[in-house]
């Protein structure tokens, strides 16, 4: 497991553009402040915003959600954690 050694935006770029690395099922896990739990979104279902500071996707009710990248805590490949944001200590 990688613990945020690679910046998230670089990892997302690699998933999208590196044909060998990009094979597999990728999922982004982000913290939902309403449900207070991690929500997972398939990478194929997201659209990275032009400013690369957020992504959007349509939820089960077809409502388009916009999520800032700083809320992404985990990236999974085939169900295995490959990237995780360091936890704040305090």
N, C-alpha and C. Protein backbone atom coordinates (compact mmCIF):
# COMPACT_ATOMS: atom_id res chain seq x y z
N UNK A 1 0.85 -1.17 0.00
CA UNK A 1 0.00 0.00 0.00
C UNK A 1 0.89 1.23 0.00
N UNK A 2 0.51 2.23 -0.78
CA UNK A 2 1.21 3.50 -0.83
C UNK A 2 0.51 4.48 0.08
N UNK A 3 1.26 5.16 0.90
CA UNK A 3 0.66 6.15 1.80
C UNK A 3 0.97 7.55 1.30
N UNK A 4 0.27 7.95 0.25
CA UNK A 4 0.32 9.31 -0.28
C UNK A 4 1.73 9.76 -0.64
N UNK A 5 2.59 8.84 -1.06
CA UNK A 5 3.91 9.22 -1.53
C UNK A 5 3.76 10.02 -2.82
N UNK A 6 2.90 9.55 -3.69
CA UNK A 6 2.62 10.21 -4.94
C UNK A 6 1.42 11.13 -4.75
N UNK A 7 1.52 12.39 -5.20
CA UNK A 7 0.34 13.27 -5.07
C UNK A 7 -0.86 12.67 -5.80
N UNK A 8 -2.05 12.89 -5.24
CA UNK A 8 -3.27 12.31 -5.79
C UNK A 8 -3.48 12.69 -7.25
N UNK A 9 -3.28 13.95 -7.60
CA UNK A 9 -3.52 14.35 -8.99
C UNK A 9 -2.61 13.61 -9.96
N UNK A 10 -1.37 13.33 -9.55
CA UNK A 10 -0.45 12.56 -10.39
C UNK A 10 -0.92 11.11 -10.53
N UNK A 11 -1.41 10.54 -9.44
CA UNK A 11 -1.92 9.17 -9.50
C UNK A 11 -3.12 9.08 -10.43
N UNK A 12 -4.04 10.03 -10.33
CA UNK A 12 -5.22 10.02 -11.21
C UNK A 12 -4.82 10.18 -12.66
N UNK A 13 -3.82 11.02 -12.91
CA UNK A 13 -3.31 11.19 -14.28
C UNK A 13 -2.72 9.86 -14.78
N UNK A 14 -1.98 9.17 -13.92
CA UNK A 14 -1.37 7.89 -14.31
C UNK A 14 -2.45 6.84 -14.60
N UNK A 15 -3.49 6.80 -13.77
CA UNK A 15 -4.58 5.84 -14.01
C UNK A 15 -5.19 6.08 -15.38
N UNK A 16 -5.40 7.34 -15.70
CA UNK A 16 -6.05 7.70 -16.97
C UNK A 16 -5.16 7.47 -18.19
N UNK A 17 -3.86 7.77 -18.08
CA UNK A 17 -3.03 7.82 -19.27
C UNK A 17 -1.99 6.72 -19.40
N UNK A 18 -1.70 5.97 -18.36
CA UNK A 18 -0.72 4.88 -18.44
C UNK A 18 -1.48 3.59 -18.75
N UNK A 19 -1.41 3.11 -20.01
CA UNK A 19 -2.25 1.98 -20.41
C UNK A 19 -1.99 0.71 -19.59
N UNK A 20 -0.76 0.47 -19.18
CA UNK A 20 -0.47 -0.74 -18.40
C UNK A 20 -0.94 -0.58 -16.96
N UNK A 21 -0.60 0.52 -16.32
CA UNK A 21 -1.01 0.74 -14.93
C UNK A 21 -2.52 0.90 -14.82
N UNK A 22 -3.13 1.49 -15.84
CA UNK A 22 -4.56 1.79 -15.80
C UNK A 22 -5.48 0.59 -15.98
N UNK A 23 -4.90 -0.60 -16.16
CA UNK A 23 -5.74 -1.80 -16.27
C UNK A 23 -6.26 -2.16 -14.89
N UNK A 24 -7.53 -2.44 -14.79
CA UNK A 24 -8.12 -2.83 -13.51
C UNK A 24 -9.30 -1.94 -13.16
N UNK A 25 -9.90 -2.24 -12.02
CA UNK A 25 -11.03 -1.46 -11.52
C UNK A 25 -10.53 -0.50 -10.45
N UNK A 26 -10.59 0.78 -10.72
CA UNK A 26 -10.16 1.80 -9.76
C UNK A 26 -11.39 2.45 -9.14
N UNK A 27 -11.27 2.74 -7.86
CA UNK A 27 -12.36 3.36 -7.11
C UNK A 27 -11.77 4.43 -6.21
N UNK A 28 -12.45 5.59 -6.13
CA UNK A 28 -12.04 6.65 -5.22
C UNK A 28 -12.93 6.60 -3.99
N UNK A 29 -12.31 6.67 -2.82
CA UNK A 29 -13.06 6.73 -1.57
C UNK A 29 -12.94 8.12 -0.98
N UNK A 30 -14.08 8.75 -0.72
CA UNK A 30 -14.06 10.09 -0.13
C UNK A 30 -14.98 10.13 1.08
N UNK A 31 -14.72 11.06 1.98
CA UNK A 31 -15.52 11.19 3.19
C UNK A 31 -16.74 12.04 2.90
N UNK A 32 -17.91 11.45 3.16
CA UNK A 32 -19.16 12.17 2.97
C UNK A 32 -19.54 12.82 4.29
N UNK A 33 -19.62 14.13 4.29
CA UNK A 33 -19.87 14.87 5.54
C UNK A 33 -21.31 14.75 6.01
N UNK A 34 -22.23 14.33 5.15
CA UNK A 34 -23.62 14.17 5.56
C UNK A 34 -23.83 12.82 6.24
N UNK A 35 -23.36 11.75 5.59
CA UNK A 35 -23.55 10.41 6.14
C UNK A 35 -22.44 10.02 7.13
N UNK A 36 -21.37 10.82 7.18
CA UNK A 36 -20.23 10.56 8.07
C UNK A 36 -19.60 9.20 7.82
N UNK A 37 -19.46 8.87 6.54
CA UNK A 37 -18.83 7.61 6.17
C UNK A 37 -18.13 7.75 4.82
N UNK A 38 -17.31 6.77 4.52
CA UNK A 38 -16.64 6.78 3.22
C UNK A 38 -17.63 6.36 2.14
N UNK A 39 -17.64 7.13 1.06
CA UNK A 39 -18.39 6.77 -0.14
C UNK A 39 -17.37 6.39 -1.20
N UNK A 40 -17.69 5.40 -1.99
CA UNK A 40 -16.79 4.95 -3.05
C UNK A 40 -17.44 5.18 -4.41
N UNK A 41 -16.62 5.70 -5.32
CA UNK A 41 -17.09 6.00 -6.67
C UNK A 41 -16.13 5.35 -7.67
N UNK A 42 -16.65 4.57 -8.61
CA UNK A 42 -15.77 4.00 -9.64
C UNK A 42 -15.09 5.10 -10.44
N UNK A 43 -13.82 4.92 -10.70
CA UNK A 43 -13.05 5.92 -11.46
C UNK A 43 -13.70 6.17 -12.82
N UNK A 44 -14.23 5.12 -13.44
CA UNK A 44 -14.85 5.27 -14.76
C UNK A 44 -16.09 6.15 -14.72
N UNK A 45 -16.68 6.35 -13.53
CA UNK A 45 -17.90 7.14 -13.41
C UNK A 45 -17.64 8.62 -13.14
N UNK A 46 -16.36 8.99 -12.93
CA UNK A 46 -16.07 10.38 -12.57
C UNK A 46 -15.62 11.19 -13.77
N UNK A 47 -15.78 12.49 -13.64
CA UNK A 47 -15.22 13.44 -14.59
C UNK A 47 -14.32 14.37 -13.79
N UNK A 48 -13.04 14.39 -14.14
CA UNK A 48 -12.13 15.32 -13.47
C UNK A 48 -12.42 16.71 -14.00
N UNK A 49 -12.56 17.65 -13.10
CA UNK A 49 -12.84 19.03 -13.51
C UNK A 49 -11.59 19.66 -14.12
N UNK A 50 -11.79 20.64 -14.97
CA UNK A 50 -10.69 21.27 -15.71
C UNK A 50 -9.60 21.80 -14.80
N UNK A 51 -9.97 22.32 -13.64
CA UNK A 51 -8.97 22.87 -12.74
C UNK A 51 -8.23 21.79 -11.97
N UNK A 52 -8.63 20.53 -12.13
CA UNK A 52 -8.04 19.36 -11.48
C UNK A 52 -8.14 19.43 -9.97
N UNK A 53 -8.96 20.29 -9.44
CA UNK A 53 -9.12 20.39 -8.00
C UNK A 53 -10.35 19.67 -7.50
N UNK A 54 -11.11 19.06 -8.43
CA UNK A 54 -12.32 18.35 -8.02
C UNK A 54 -12.73 17.35 -9.10
N UNK A 55 -13.71 16.53 -8.75
CA UNK A 55 -14.29 15.63 -9.74
C UNK A 55 -15.79 15.65 -9.55
N UNK A 56 -16.50 15.20 -10.57
CA UNK A 56 -17.95 15.14 -10.48
C UNK A 56 -18.41 13.76 -10.94
N UNK A 57 -19.61 13.39 -10.50
CA UNK A 57 -20.24 12.14 -10.90
C UNK A 57 -21.73 12.24 -10.63
N UNK A 58 -22.50 11.41 -11.30
CA UNK A 58 -23.94 11.35 -11.07
C UNK A 58 -24.20 10.22 -10.08
N UNK A 59 -24.91 10.55 -8.98
CA UNK A 59 -25.20 9.52 -7.98
C UNK A 59 -26.36 8.64 -8.44
N UNK A 60 -26.80 7.75 -7.57
CA UNK A 60 -27.86 6.79 -7.92
C UNK A 60 -29.16 7.48 -8.30
N UNK A 61 -29.39 8.70 -7.81
CA UNK A 61 -30.60 9.46 -8.14
C UNK A 61 -30.38 10.39 -9.33
N UNK A 62 -29.23 10.22 -10.02
CA UNK A 62 -28.85 11.05 -11.17
C UNK A 62 -28.59 12.51 -10.81
N UNK A 63 -28.29 12.76 -9.54
CA UNK A 63 -27.90 14.10 -9.10
C UNK A 63 -26.39 14.20 -9.28
N UNK A 64 -25.93 15.25 -9.96
CA UNK A 64 -24.50 15.42 -10.18
C UNK A 64 -23.87 15.97 -8.91
N UNK A 65 -22.88 15.26 -8.41
CA UNK A 65 -22.14 15.65 -7.20
C UNK A 65 -20.77 16.16 -7.60
N UNK A 66 -20.30 17.19 -6.93
CA UNK A 66 -18.96 17.75 -7.16
C UNK A 66 -18.17 17.57 -5.87
N UNK A 67 -17.07 16.86 -5.96
CA UNK A 67 -16.27 16.52 -4.78
C UNK A 67 -14.86 17.09 -4.95
N UNK A 68 -14.40 17.92 -4.01
CA UNK A 68 -13.02 18.41 -4.08
C UNK A 68 -12.04 17.25 -3.85
N UNK A 69 -10.92 17.28 -4.55
CA UNK A 69 -9.94 16.20 -4.41
C UNK A 69 -9.39 16.10 -2.99
N UNK A 70 -9.40 17.20 -2.24
CA UNK A 70 -8.86 17.11 -0.87
C UNK A 70 -9.74 16.25 0.03
N UNK A 71 -10.95 15.90 -0.43
CA UNK A 71 -11.82 15.01 0.35
C UNK A 71 -11.58 13.53 0.03
N UNK A 72 -10.81 13.25 -1.03
CA UNK A 72 -10.49 11.86 -1.36
C UNK A 72 -9.45 11.36 -0.36
N UNK A 73 -9.77 10.27 0.31
CA UNK A 73 -8.87 9.70 1.31
C UNK A 73 -8.18 8.43 0.84
N UNK A 74 -8.83 7.72 -0.10
CA UNK A 74 -8.33 6.40 -0.48
C UNK A 74 -8.57 6.14 -1.96
N UNK A 75 -7.62 5.46 -2.59
CA UNK A 75 -7.78 4.99 -3.97
C UNK A 75 -7.58 3.48 -3.93
N UNK A 76 -8.52 2.77 -4.54
CA UNK A 76 -8.49 1.31 -4.59
C UNK A 76 -8.25 0.86 -6.03
N UNK A 77 -7.51 -0.23 -6.17
CA UNK A 77 -7.36 -0.90 -7.47
C UNK A 77 -7.78 -2.35 -7.24
N UNK A 78 -8.82 -2.77 -7.94
CA UNK A 78 -9.35 -4.13 -7.78
C UNK A 78 -9.65 -4.45 -6.31
N UNK A 79 -10.15 -3.45 -5.58
CA UNK A 79 -10.55 -3.64 -4.20
C UNK A 79 -9.44 -3.52 -3.17
N UNK A 80 -8.21 -3.30 -3.62
CA UNK A 80 -7.06 -3.19 -2.72
C UNK A 80 -6.61 -1.73 -2.64
N UNK A 81 -6.32 -1.26 -1.43
CA UNK A 81 -5.86 0.11 -1.25
C UNK A 81 -4.49 0.28 -1.90
N UNK A 82 -4.38 1.25 -2.83
CA UNK A 82 -3.08 1.55 -3.44
C UNK A 82 -2.58 2.94 -3.06
N UNK A 83 -3.47 3.76 -2.50
CA UNK A 83 -3.09 5.12 -2.09
C UNK A 83 -4.00 5.50 -0.94
N UNK A 84 -3.40 6.12 0.08
CA UNK A 84 -4.20 6.58 1.20
C UNK A 84 -3.60 7.87 1.73
N UNK A 85 -4.48 8.85 1.94
CA UNK A 85 -4.04 10.12 2.49
C UNK A 85 -3.57 9.90 3.93
N UNK A 86 -2.45 10.52 4.30
CA UNK A 86 -2.00 10.38 5.68
C UNK A 86 -3.06 10.93 6.64
N UNK A 87 -3.24 10.25 7.74
CA UNK A 87 -4.19 10.69 8.77
C UNK A 87 -3.58 11.80 9.59
N UNK A 88 -4.40 12.80 9.89
CA UNK A 88 -3.93 13.89 10.74
C UNK A 88 -3.88 13.41 12.17
N UNK A 89 -2.85 13.78 12.84
CA UNK A 89 -2.71 13.40 14.25
C UNK A 89 -3.01 14.61 15.10
N UNK A 90 -3.65 14.39 16.17
CA UNK A 90 -3.92 15.56 16.92
C UNK A 90 -4.52 15.28 18.21
